[in-house]
PDB file of N, CA and C in Angstrom:
ATOM      1  N   MET A   1     -13.329  19.715  -7.648  1.00  0.00           N
ATOM      2  CA  MET A   1     -13.615  18.954  -6.446  1.00  0.00           C
ATOM      3  C   MET A   1     -12.316  18.454  -5.835  1.00  0.00           C
ATOM      4  N   LYS A   2     -12.365  18.207  -4.549  1.00  0.00           N
ATOM      5  CA  LYS A   2     -11.190  17.682  -3.847  1.00  0.00           C
ATOM      6  C   LYS A   2     -11.478  16.249  -3.431  1.00  0.00           C
ATOM      7  N   PHE A   3     -10.482  15.374  -3.615  1.00  0.00           N
ATOM      8  CA  PHE A   3     -10.592  13.965  -3.273  1.00  0.00           C
ATOM      9  C   PHE A   3      -9.424  13.558  -2.392  1.00  0.00           C
ATOM     10  N   LYS A   4      -9.661  12.534  -1.587  1.00  0.00           N
ATOM     11  CA  LYS A   4      -8.605  11.958  -0.748  1.00  0.00           C
ATOM     12  C   LYS A   4      -8.373  10.526  -1.216  1.00  0.00           C
ATOM     13  N   ALA A   5      -7.106  10.161  -1.368  1.00  0.00           N
ATOM     14  CA  ALA A   5      -6.748   8.796  -1.749  1.00  0.00           C
ATOM     15  C   ALA A   5      -5.984   8.135  -0.610  1.00  0.00           C
ATOM     16  N   GLU A   6      -6.327   6.895  -0.340  1.00  0.00           N
ATOM     17  CA  GLU A   6      -5.607   6.055   0.618  1.00  0.00           C
ATOM     18  C   GLU A   6      -4.990   4.928  -0.201  1.00  0.00           C
ATOM     19  N   ILE A   7      -3.663   4.858  -0.217  1.00  0.00           N
ATOM     20  CA  ILE A   7      -2.947   3.920  -1.079  1.00  0.00           C
ATOM     21  C   ILE A   7      -2.145   2.961  -0.210  1.00  0.00           C
ATOM     22  N   ASP A   8      -2.270   1.660  -0.499  1.00  0.00           N
ATOM     23  CA  ASP A   8      -1.469   0.636   0.168  1.00  0.00           C
ATOM     24  C   ASP A   8      -0.510   0.040  -0.844  1.00  0.00           C
ATOM     25  N   ILE A   9       0.765   0.025  -0.498  1.00  0.00           N
ATOM     26  CA  ILE A   9       1.808  -0.516  -1.364  1.00  0.00           C
ATOM     27  C   ILE A   9       2.481  -1.656  -0.613  1.00  0.00           C
ATOM     28  N   MET A  10       2.500  -2.840  -1.239  1.00  0.00           N
ATOM     29  CA  MET A  10       3.020  -4.040  -0.590  1.00  0.00           C
ATOM     30  C   MET A  10       4.018  -4.742  -1.493  1.00  0.00           C
ATOM     31  N   PRO A  11       4.979  -5.468  -0.891  1.00  0.00           N
ATOM     32  CA  PRO A  11       5.873  -6.269  -1.721  1.00  0.00           C
ATOM     33  C   PRO A  11       5.072  -7.372  -2.411  1.00  0.00           C
ATOM     34  N   GLN A  12       5.473  -7.716  -3.615  1.00  0.00           N
ATOM     35  CA  GLN A  12       4.785  -8.804  -4.324  1.00  0.00           C
ATOM     36  C   GLN A  12       4.915 -10.093  -3.536  1.00  0.00           C
ATOM     37  N   GLU A  13       3.886 -10.935  -3.610  1.00  0.00           N
ATOM     38  CA  GLU A  13       3.846 -12.167  -2.833  1.00  0.00           C
ATOM     39  C   GLU A  13       5.036 -13.081  -3.128  1.00  0.00           C
ATOM     40  N   ALA A  14       5.517 -13.076  -4.363  1.00  0.00           N
ATOM     41  CA  ALA A  14       6.603 -13.972  -4.747  1.00  0.00           C
ATOM     42  C   ALA A  14       7.960 -13.529  -4.199  1.00  0.00           C
ATOM     43  N   LEU A  15       8.052 -12.308  -3.697  1.00  0.00           N
ATOM     44  CA  LEU A  15       9.325 -11.780  -3.220  1.00  0.00           C
ATOM     45  C   LEU A  15       9.466 -11.940  -1.714  1.00  0.00           C
ATOM     46  N   LEU A  16      10.704 -12.063  -1.275  1.00  0.00           N
ATOM     47  CA  LEU A  16      10.981 -12.112   0.156  1.00  0.00           C
ATOM     48  C   LEU A  16      10.667 -10.762   0.787  1.00  0.00           C
ATOM     49  N   ASP A  17      10.257 -10.814   2.051  1.00  0.00           N
ATOM     50  CA  ASP A  17       9.989  -9.603   2.816  1.00  0.00           C
ATOM     51  C   ASP A  17      10.753  -9.720   4.128  1.00  0.00           C
ATOM     52  N   PRO A  18      12.023  -9.298   4.144  1.00  0.00           N
ATOM     53  CA  PRO A  18      12.846  -9.475   5.350  1.00  0.00           C
ATOM     54  C   PRO A  18      12.254  -8.825   6.600  1.00  0.00           C
ATOM     55  N   GLN A  19      11.661  -7.637   6.455  1.00  0.00           N
ATOM     56  CA  GLN A  19      11.053  -6.981   7.617  1.00  0.00           C
ATOM     57  C   GLN A  19       9.885  -7.809   8.140  1.00  0.00           C
ATOM     58  N   GLY A  20       9.041  -8.256   7.236  1.00  0.00           N
ATOM     59  CA  GLY A  20       7.896  -9.070   7.639  1.00  0.00           C
ATOM     60  C   GLY A  20       8.327 -10.375   8.282  1.00  0.00           C
ATOM     61  N   LYS A  21       9.361 -10.991   7.730  1.00  0.00           N
ATOM     62  CA  LYS A  21       9.865 -12.246   8.293  1.00  0.00           C
ATOM     63  C   LYS A  21      10.408 -12.030   9.706  1.00  0.00           C
ATOM     64  N   ALA A  22      11.143 -10.940   9.915  1.00  0.00           N
ATOM     65  CA  ALA A  22      11.681 -10.647  11.243  1.00  0.00           C
ATOM     66  C   ALA A  22      10.551 -10.450  12.252  1.00  0.00           C
ATOM     67  N   VAL A  23       9.503  -9.739  11.852  1.00  0.00           N
ATOM     68  CA  VAL A  23       8.370  -9.532  12.746  1.00  0.00           C
ATOM     69  C   VAL A  23       7.657 -10.863  13.011  1.00  0.00           C
ATOM     70  N   SER A  24       7.441 -11.657  11.965  1.00  0.00           N
ATOM     71  CA  SER A  24       6.800 -12.967  12.138  1.00  0.00           C
ATOM     72  C   SER A  24       7.579 -13.840  13.107  1.00  0.00           C
ATOM     73  N   ASN A  25       8.907 -13.853  12.947  1.00  0.00           N
ATOM     74  CA  ASN A  25       9.749 -14.680  13.820  1.00  0.00           C
ATOM     75  C   ASN A  25       9.740 -14.198  15.265  1.00  0.00           C
ATOM     76  N   SER A  26       9.433 -12.932  15.490  1.00  0.00           N
ATOM     77  CA  SER A  26       9.409 -12.375  16.846  1.00  0.00           C
ATOM     78  C   SER A  26       8.078 -12.586  17.564  1.00  0.00           C
ATOM     79  N   MET A  27       7.041 -12.913  16.847  1.00  0.00           N
ATOM     80  CA  MET A  27       5.718 -13.042  17.461  1.00  0.00           C
ATOM     81  C   MET A  27       5.684 -14.059  18.613  1.00  0.00           C
ATOM     82  N   PRO A  28       6.279 -15.252  18.469  1.00  0.00           N
ATOM     83  CA  PRO A  28       6.252 -16.177  19.608  1.00  0.00           C
ATOM     84  C   PRO A  28       6.960 -15.619  20.838  1.00  0.00           C
ATOM     85  N   ASN A  29       7.984 -14.802  20.616  1.00  0.00           N
ATOM     86  CA  ASN A  29       8.748 -14.219  21.735  1.00  0.00           C
ATOM     87  C   ASN A  29       7.923 -13.234  22.566  1.00  0.00           C
ATOM     88  N   ILE A  30       6.882 -12.666  21.965  1.00  0.00           N
ATOM     89  CA  ILE A  30       6.050 -11.716  22.708  1.00  0.00           C
ATOM     90  C   ILE A  30       4.684 -12.318  23.051  1.00  0.00           C
ATOM     91  N   GLY A  31       4.611 -13.650  22.994  1.00  0.00           N
ATOM     92  CA  GLY A  31       3.394 -14.324  23.409  1.00  0.00           C
ATOM     93  C   GLY A  31       2.298 -14.379  22.368  1.00  0.00           C
ATOM     94  N   LEU A  32       2.647 -14.236  21.093  1.00  0.00           N
ATOM     95  CA  LEU A  32       1.654 -14.274  20.021  1.00  0.00           C
ATOM     96  C   LEU A  32       2.035 -15.302  18.950  1.00  0.00           C
ATOM     97  N   PRO A  33       2.185 -16.575  19.334  1.00  0.00           N
ATOM     98  CA  PRO A  33       2.634 -17.581  18.369  1.00  0.00           C
ATOM     99  C   PRO A  33       1.613 -17.856  17.260  1.00  0.00           C
ATOM    100  N   GLU A  34       0.372 -17.449  17.469  1.00  0.00           N
ATOM    101  CA  GLU A  34      -0.658 -17.704  16.458  1.00  0.00           C
ATOM    102  C   GLU A  34      -0.595 -16.719  15.289  1.00  0.00           C
ATOM    103  N   ILE A  35       0.244 -15.695  15.380  1.00  0.00           N
ATOM    104  CA  ILE A  35       0.390 -14.729  14.288  1.00  0.00           C
ATOM    105  C   ILE A  35       1.589 -15.119  13.434  1.00  0.00           C
ATOM    106  N   SER A  36       1.353 -15.224  12.130  1.00  0.00           N
ATOM    107  CA  SER A  36       2.435 -15.579  11.203  1.00  0.00           C
ATOM    108  C   SER A  36       2.173 -14.914   9.849  1.00  0.00           C
ATOM    109  N   GLY A  37       3.110 -15.053   8.965  1.00  0.00           N
ATOM    110  CA  GLY A  37       2.933 -14.542   7.604  1.00  0.00           C
ATOM    111  C   GLY A  37       2.843 -13.027   7.517  1.00  0.00           C
ATOM    112  N   VAL A  38       3.543 -12.321   8.374  1.00  0.00           N
ATOM    113  CA  VAL A  38       3.498 -10.856   8.366  1.00  0.00           C
ATOM    114  C   VAL A  38       4.196 -10.336   7.103  1.00  0.00           C
ATOM    115  N   ARG A  39       3.558  -9.393   6.431  1.00  0.00           N
ATOM    116  CA  ARG A  39       4.140  -8.690   5.288  1.00  0.00           C
ATOM    117  C   ARG A  39       4.080  -7.207   5.628  1.00  0.00           C
ATOM    118  N   ILE A  40       5.159  -6.499   5.391  1.00  0.00           N
ATOM    119  CA  ILE A  40       5.213  -5.082   5.729  1.00  0.00           C
ATOM    120  C   ILE A  40       5.340  -4.260   4.453  1.00  0.00           C
ATOM    121  N   GLY A  41       4.463  -3.291   4.324  1.00  0.00           N
ATOM    122  CA  GLY A  41       4.471  -2.382   3.180  1.00  0.00           C
ATOM    123  C   GLY A  41       4.397  -0.959   3.680  1.00  0.00           C
ATOM    124  N   ARG A  42       3.767  -0.108   2.879  1.00  0.00           N
ATOM    125  CA  ARG A  42       3.602   1.274   3.317  1.00  0.00           C
ATOM    126  C   ARG A  42       2.238   1.803   2.885  1.00  0.00           C
ATOM    127  N   HIS A  43       1.824   2.828   3.595  1.00  0.00           N
ATOM    128  CA  HIS A  43       0.532   3.454   3.352  1.00  0.00           C
ATOM    129  C   HIS A  43       0.775   4.921   3.006  1.00  0.00           C
ATOM    130  N   VAL A  44       0.134   5.377   1.936  1.00  0.00           N
ATOM    131  CA  VAL A  44       0.277   6.762   1.492  1.00  0.00           C
ATOM    132  C   VAL A  44      -1.113   7.397   1.426  1.00  0.00           C
ATOM    133  N   ARG A  45      -1.243   8.601   1.963  1.00  0.00           N
ATOM    134  CA  ARG A  45      -2.485   9.376   1.850  1.00  0.00           C
ATOM    135  C   ARG A  45      -2.143  10.643   1.078  1.00  0.00           C
ATOM    136  N   LEU A  46      -2.996  10.974   0.103  1.00  0.00           N
ATOM    137  CA  LEU A  46      -2.782  12.207  -0.642  1.00  0.00           C
ATOM    138  C   LEU A  46      -4.114  12.800  -1.049  1.00  0.00           C
ATOM    139  N   PHE A  47      -4.075  14.071  -1.445  1.00  0.00           N
ATOM    140  CA  PHE A  47      -5.276  14.786  -1.859  1.00  0.00           C
ATOM    141  C   PHE A  47      -5.132  15.196  -3.316  1.00  0.00           C
ATOM    142  N   ILE A  48      -6.243  15.144  -4.046  1.00  0.00           N
ATOM    143  CA  ILE A  48      -6.246  15.404  -5.485  1.00  0.00           C
ATOM    144  C   ILE A  48      -7.328  16.413  -5.810  1.00  0.00           C
ATOM    145  N   ASP A  49      -7.013  17.355  -6.672  1.00  0.00           N
ATOM    146  CA  ASP A  49      -8.025  18.230  -7.258  1.00  0.00           C
ATOM    147  C   ASP A  49      -8.384  17.628  -8.612  1.00  0.00           C
ATOM    148  N   ALA A  50      -9.655  17.299  -8.796  1.00  0.00           N
ATOM    149  CA  ALA A  50     -10.100  16.694 -10.053  1.00  0.00           C
ATOM    150  C   ALA A  50     -11.559  17.061 -10.294  1.00  0.00           C
ATOM    151  N   ASN A  51     -11.993  16.900 -11.535  1.00  0.00           N
ATOM    152  CA  ASN A  51     -13.371  17.233 -11.907  1.00  0.00           C
ATOM    153  C   ASN A  51     -14.382  16.191 -11.442  1.00  0.00           C
ATOM    154  N   ASN A  52     -13.929  14.917 -11.314  1.00  0.00           N
ATOM    155  CA  ASN A  52     -14.847  13.850 -10.906  1.00  0.00           C
ATOM    156  C   ASN A  52     -14.056  12.672 -10.343  1.00  0.00           C
ATOM    157  N   GLN A  53     -14.772  11.683  -9.837  1.00  0.00           N
ATOM    158  CA  GLN A  53     -14.164  10.508  -9.205  1.00  0.00           C
ATOM    159  C   GLN A  53     -13.256   9.757 -10.179  1.00  0.00           C
ATOM    160  N   ALA A  54     -13.723   9.553 -11.406  1.00  0.00           N
ATOM    161  CA  ALA A  54     -12.941   8.801 -12.391  1.00  0.00           C
ATOM    162  C   ALA A  54     -11.613   9.491 -12.693  1.00  0.00           C
ATOM    163  N   GLU A  55     -11.645  10.804 -12.822  1.00  0.00           N
ATOM    164  CA  GLU A  55     -10.412  11.552 -13.089  1.00  0.00           C
ATOM    165  C   GLU A  55      -9.458  11.458 -11.895  1.00  0.00           C
ATOM    166  N   ALA A  56      -9.995  11.560 -10.694  1.00  0.00           N
ATOM    167  CA  ALA A  56      -9.162  11.450  -9.491  1.00  0.00           C
ATOM    168  C   ALA A  56      -8.510  10.070  -9.420  1.00  0.00           C
ATOM    169  N   GLU A  57      -9.283   9.025  -9.687  1.00  0.00           N
ATOM    170  CA  GLU A  57      -8.737   7.665  -9.661  1.00  0.00           C
ATOM    171  C   GLU A  57      -7.653   7.491 -10.707  1.00  0.00           C
ATOM    172  N   SER A  58      -7.852   8.071 -11.880  1.00  0.00           N
ATOM    173  CA  SER A  58      -6.849   7.988 -12.943  1.00  0.00           C
ATOM    174  C   SER A  58      -5.545   8.676 -12.529  1.00  0.00           C
ATOM    175  N   LYS A  59      -5.650   9.825 -11.882  1.00  0.00           N
ATOM    176  CA  LYS A  59      -4.458  10.543 -11.426  1.00  0.00           C
ATOM    177  C   LYS A  59      -3.717   9.751 -10.347  1.00  0.00           C
ATOM    178  N   VAL A  60      -4.460   9.131  -9.434  1.00  0.00           N
ATOM    179  CA  VAL A  60      -3.828   8.319  -8.390  1.00  0.00           C
ATOM    180  C   VAL A  60      -3.132   7.118  -9.018  1.00  0.00           C
ATOM    181  N   ASP A  61      -3.796   6.469  -9.965  1.00  0.00           N
ATOM    182  CA  ASP A  61      -3.195   5.315 -10.635  1.00  0.00           C
ATOM    183  C   ASP A  61      -1.900   5.721 -11.339  1.00  0.00           C
ATOM    184  N   ASP A  62      -1.912   6.861 -12.020  1.00  0.00           N
ATOM    185  CA  ASP A  62      -0.694   7.362 -12.681  1.00  0.00           C
ATOM    186  C   ASP A  62       0.413   7.619 -11.670  1.00  0.00           C
ATOM    187  N   ALA A  63       0.074   8.243 -10.540  1.00  0.00           N
ATOM    188  CA  ALA A  63       1.076   8.537  -9.518  1.00  0.00           C
ATOM    189  C   ALA A  63       1.696   7.247  -8.978  1.00  0.00           C
ATOM    190  N   CYS A  64       0.864   6.229  -8.786  1.00  0.00           N
ATOM    191  CA  CYS A  64       1.377   4.948  -8.290  1.00  0.00           C
ATOM    192  C   CYS A  64       2.319   4.310  -9.302  1.00  0.00           C
ATOM    193  N   LYS A  65       1.905   4.286 -10.560  1.00  0.00           N
ATOM    194  CA  LYS A  65       2.702   3.650 -11.610  1.00  0.00           C
ATOM    195  C   LYS A  65       4.005   4.391 -11.884  1.00  0.00           C
ATOM    196  N   LYS A  66       3.976   5.720 -11.825  1.00  0.00           N
ATOM    197  CA  LYS A  66       5.137   6.508 -12.219  1.00  0.00           C
ATOM    198  C   LYS A  66       6.091   6.840 -11.075  1.00  0.00           C
ATOM    199  N   LEU A  67       5.603   6.827  -9.819  1.00  0.00           N
ATOM    200  CA  LEU A  67       6.451   7.308  -8.742  1.00  0.00           C
ATOM    201  C   LEU A  67       6.334   6.523  -7.434  1.00  0.00           C
ATOM    202  N   LEU A  68       5.128   6.247  -6.996  1.00  0.00           N
ATOM    203  CA  LEU A  68       4.948   5.728  -5.640  1.00  0.00           C
ATOM    204  C   LEU A  68       5.298   4.253  -5.472  1.00  0.00           C
ATOM    205  N   ALA A  69       5.073   3.446  -6.490  1.00  0.00           N
ATOM    206  CA  ALA A  69       5.318   2.005  -6.385  1.00  0.00           C
ATOM    207  C   ALA A  69       6.340   1.562  -7.423  1.00  0.00           C
ATOM    208  N   ASN A  70       7.188   0.628  -7.020  1.00  0.00           N
ATOM    209  CA  ASN A  70       8.113  -0.016  -7.951  1.00  0.00           C
ATOM    210  C   ASN A  70       7.402  -1.273  -8.438  1.00  0.00           C
ATOM    211  N   LEU A  71       6.836  -1.221  -9.636  1.00  0.00           N
ATOM    212  CA  LEU A  71       5.971  -2.294 -10.119  1.00  0.00           C
ATOM    213  C   LEU A  71       6.696  -3.617 -10.333  1.00  0.00           C
ATOM    214  N   ILE A  72       8.015  -3.601 -10.379  1.00  0.00           N
ATOM    215  CA  ILE A  72       8.776  -4.840 -10.498  1.00  0.00           C
ATOM    216  C   ILE A  72       8.724  -5.613  -9.185  1.00  0.00           C
ATOM    217  N   MET A  73       8.689  -4.882  -8.062  1.00  0.00           N
ATOM    218  CA  MET A  73       8.761  -5.519  -6.745  1.00  0.00           C
ATOM    219  C   MET A  73       7.515  -5.326  -5.879  1.00  0.00           C
ATOM    220  N   GLU A  74       6.623  -4.429  -6.281  1.00  0.00           N
ATOM    221  CA  GLU A  74       5.503  -4.084  -5.409  1.00  0.00           C
ATOM    222  C   GLU A  74       4.172  -4.102  -6.161  1.00  0.00           C
ATOM    223  N   THR A  75       3.113  -4.267  -5.382  1.00  0.00           N
ATOM    224  CA  THR A  75       1.753  -4.105  -5.890  1.00  0.00           C
ATOM    225  C   THR A  75       1.121  -2.958  -5.105  1.00  0.00           C
ATOM    226  N   TYR A  76       0.044  -2.417  -5.639  1.00  0.00           N
ATOM    227  CA  TYR A  76      -0.635  -1.340  -4.934  1.00  0.00           C
ATOM    228  C   TYR A  76      -2.142  -1.460  -5.120  1.00  0.00           C
ATOM    229  N   SER A  77      -2.854  -0.893  -4.163  1.00  0.00           N
ATOM    230  CA  SER A  77      -4.305  -0.753  -4.251  1.00  0.00           C
ATOM    231  C   SER A  77      -4.654   0.582  -3.622  1.00  0.00           C
ATOM    232  N   PHE A  78      -5.790   1.151  -4.018  1.00  0.00           N
ATOM    233  CA  PHE A  78      -6.150   2.444  -3.463  1.00  0.00           C
ATOM    234  C   PHE A  78      -7.654   2.611  -3.429  1.00  0.00           C
ATOM    235  N   GLN A  79      -8.069   3.546  -2.588  1.00  0.00           N
ATOM    236  CA  GLN A  79      -9.453   3.980  -2.502  1.00  0.00           C
ATOM    237  C   GLN A  79      -9.456   5.491  -2.598  1.00  0.00           C
ATOM    238  N   VAL A  80     -10.401   6.023  -3.355  1.00  0.00           N
ATOM    239  CA  VAL A  80     -10.521   7.464  -3.520  1.00  0.00           C
ATOM    240  C   VAL A  80     -11.924   7.877  -3.073  1.00  0.00           C
ATOM    241  N   GLU A  81     -11.980   8.944  -2.277  1.00  0.00           N
ATOM    242  CA  GLU A  81     -13.286   9.458  -1.850  1.00  0.00           C
ATOM    243  C   GLU A  81     -13.279  10.969  -1.895  1.00  0.00           C
ATOM    244  N   ALA A  82     -14.443  11.548  -2.148  1.00  0.00           N
ATOM    245  CA  ALA A  82     -14.579  12.999  -2.147  1.00  0.00           C
ATOM    246  C   ALA A  82     -14.486  13.522  -0.725  1.00  0.00           C
ATOM    247  N   VAL A  83     -13.871  14.689  -0.574  1.00  0.00           N
ATOM    248  CA  VAL A  83     -13.795  15.321   0.760  1.00  0.00           C
ATOM    249  C   VAL A  83     -14.376  16.720   0.706  1.00  0.00           C
TER     250      VAL A  83
END
């Protein structure tokens, strides 16, 4: 079976996010002072060949832990669906 994974990788809450801070500080300048606390991460989409949903999720989790996310500085979450 083929599965699609949507993965969100974000800096850990305890760490500074210079990009997010710069965007937050710019919001009042563009007329959006009510927006604050911006955090910037990345989104990854990938496809997996697996026998079932559990196996696909396990492969995505392994990919995140071993390559896609730096677990010292980042957290990740994902959703897997059959395609």
